[in-house]
Amino acid sequence: MNSENTKAQMRKGVLELCILSILSKGDAYPTEIIERLKDTKLVIVEGTLYPLLTRLKNTGLLAYRWEESNSGPPRKYYKLTEIGEQYLKELQVSWNELVHAVEKTINK
């Protein structure tokens, strides 16, 4: 059995929560999001992040703006909308319940 596949699926399941949490602390552009995730050992590639950001934007959870950059092309900064903030709160409650249930199960 390949545990790497299971680990990848677990990471994928919490990615949306992590991205929304990062954006709850302030606007960020995709490279910043990738770096912040990498700092916590959640490695993600652009090919995974961009479709997820687009989906979150299309569902009204995120908005974006273009901003000029001194070191290259303009950057697309994402931010949470009001709906996104509410959704994040719901995800955080669900996450805490899930963590509690799993810990209770595996430590029993």
Protein backbone atom coordinates (compact mmCIF):
# COMPACT_ATOMS: atom_id res chain seq x y z
CA MET A 1 0.00 0.00 0.00
CA ASN A 2 1.28 3.47 -0.95
CA SER A 3 1.01 5.87 1.99
CA GLU A 4 2.16 8.81 -0.18
CA ASN A 5 -1.11 8.69 -2.11
CA THR A 6 -3.09 8.75 1.13
CA LYS A 7 -1.01 11.65 2.45
CA ALA A 8 -1.56 13.57 -0.80
CA GLN A 9 -5.33 13.05 -0.56
CA MET A 10 -5.32 14.25 3.06
CA ARG A 11 -3.41 17.41 2.08
CA LYS A 12 -5.75 18.03 -0.84
CA GLY A 13 -8.73 17.85 1.51
CA VAL A 14 -7.48 20.65 3.74
CA LEU A 15 -6.00 22.88 1.05
CA GLU A 16 -9.10 25.03 0.67
CA LEU A 17 -9.18 25.65 4.43
CA CYS A 18 -5.48 26.55 4.45
CA ILE A 19 -5.75 28.98 1.53
CA LEU A 20 -8.78 30.72 3.01
CA SER A 21 -6.95 30.92 6.36
CA ILE A 22 -3.90 32.52 4.73
CA LEU A 23 -6.12 35.08 3.01
CA SER A 24 -7.95 35.83 6.27
CA LYS A 25 -4.68 37.36 7.48
CA GLY A 26 -4.40 39.67 4.48
CA ASP A 27 -4.44 39.87 0.70
CA ALA A 28 -1.87 37.73 -1.10
CA TYR A 29 -0.83 36.81 -4.61
CA PRO A 30 -0.40 33.17 -5.67
CA THR A 31 3.38 32.99 -5.20
CA GLU A 32 2.98 34.28 -1.63
CA ILE A 33 0.31 31.68 -0.94
CA ILE A 34 2.58 28.92 -2.27
CA GLU A 35 5.48 30.17 -0.10
CA ARG A 36 3.34 30.34 3.03
CA LEU A 37 2.10 26.81 2.43
CA LYS A 38 5.65 25.63 1.77
CA ASP A 39 6.74 27.15 5.09
CA THR A 40 4.28 24.80 6.80
CA LYS A 41 5.41 21.82 4.67
CA LEU A 42 2.23 21.85 2.58
CA VAL A 43 3.86 21.76 -0.84
CA ILE A 44 1.58 22.83 -3.68
CA VAL A 45 2.29 23.62 -7.31
CA GLU A 46 0.80 26.44 -9.38
CA GLY A 47 -1.15 23.93 -11.45
CA THR A 48 -3.08 22.97 -8.33
CA LEU A 49 -3.40 26.43 -6.81
CA TYR A 50 -4.69 28.43 -9.79
CA PRO A 51 -7.74 26.25 -10.53
CA LEU A 52 -8.61 26.24 -6.83
CA LEU A 53 -8.33 30.05 -6.61
CA THR A 54 -10.51 30.38 -9.71
CA ARG A 55 -13.12 28.04 -8.25
CA LEU A 56 -13.15 29.94 -4.93
CA LYS A 57 -13.47 33.24 -6.82
CA ASN A 58 -16.28 31.91 -9.02
CA THR A 59 -18.23 30.78 -5.95
CA GLY A 60 -17.95 34.26 -4.44
CA LEU A 61 -15.58 33.34 -1.62
CA LEU A 62 -12.66 35.34 -3.04
CA ALA A 63 -12.17 38.53 -5.02
CA TYR A 64 -9.01 39.85 -6.65
CA ARG A 65 -7.36 43.01 -7.85
CA TRP A 66 -4.37 43.65 -10.08
CA GLU A 67 -1.44 45.53 -8.59
CA GLU A 68 1.71 46.77 -10.31
CA SER A 69 4.94 45.16 -9.15
CA ASN A 70 8.42 46.73 -9.02
CA SER A 71 9.99 43.38 -9.82
CA GLY A 72 8.00 42.09 -12.77
CA PRO A 73 4.53 41.91 -14.28
CA PRO A 74 1.42 43.05 -12.37
CA ARG A 75 0.31 40.71 -9.60
CA LYS A 76 -3.16 39.40 -8.95
CA TYR A 77 -3.91 39.81 -5.23
CA TYR A 78 -6.67 37.66 -3.78
CA LYS A 79 -8.76 38.53 -0.75
CA LEU A 80 -11.61 36.99 1.19
CA THR A 81 -15.10 38.33 0.57
CA GLU A 82 -17.69 38.58 3.34
CA ILE A 83 -19.15 35.28 2.14
CA GLY A 84 -15.62 33.83 2.22
CA GLU A 85 -15.13 34.93 5.82
CA GLN A 86 -18.37 33.24 6.86
CA TYR A 87 -17.47 30.10 4.93
CA LEU A 88 -14.02 30.01 6.56
CA LYS A 89 -15.60 30.18 10.02
CA GLU A 90 -17.80 27.18 9.14
CA LEU A 91 -14.78 25.26 7.83
CA GLN A 92 -12.79 26.03 10.97
CA VAL A 93 -15.59 24.67 13.17
CA SER A 94 -15.81 21.53 11.02
CA TRP A 95 -12.03 21.14 11.05
CA ASN A 96 -11.87 21.38 14.85
CA GLU A 97 -14.66 18.80 15.19
CA LEU A 98 -12.89 16.48 12.73
CA VAL A 99 -9.52 16.79 14.49
CA HIS A 100 -11.17 16.10 17.83
CA ALA A 101 -13.01 13.05 16.47
CA VAL A 102 -9.89 11.63 14.79
CA GLU A 103 -7.72 12.16 17.86
CA LYS A 104 -10.35 10.52 20.03
CA THR A 105 -10.54 7.58 17.62
CA ILE A 106 -6.82 6.95 17.18
CA ASN A 107 -5.97 7.45 20.86
CA LYS A 108 -8.72 5.14 22.13
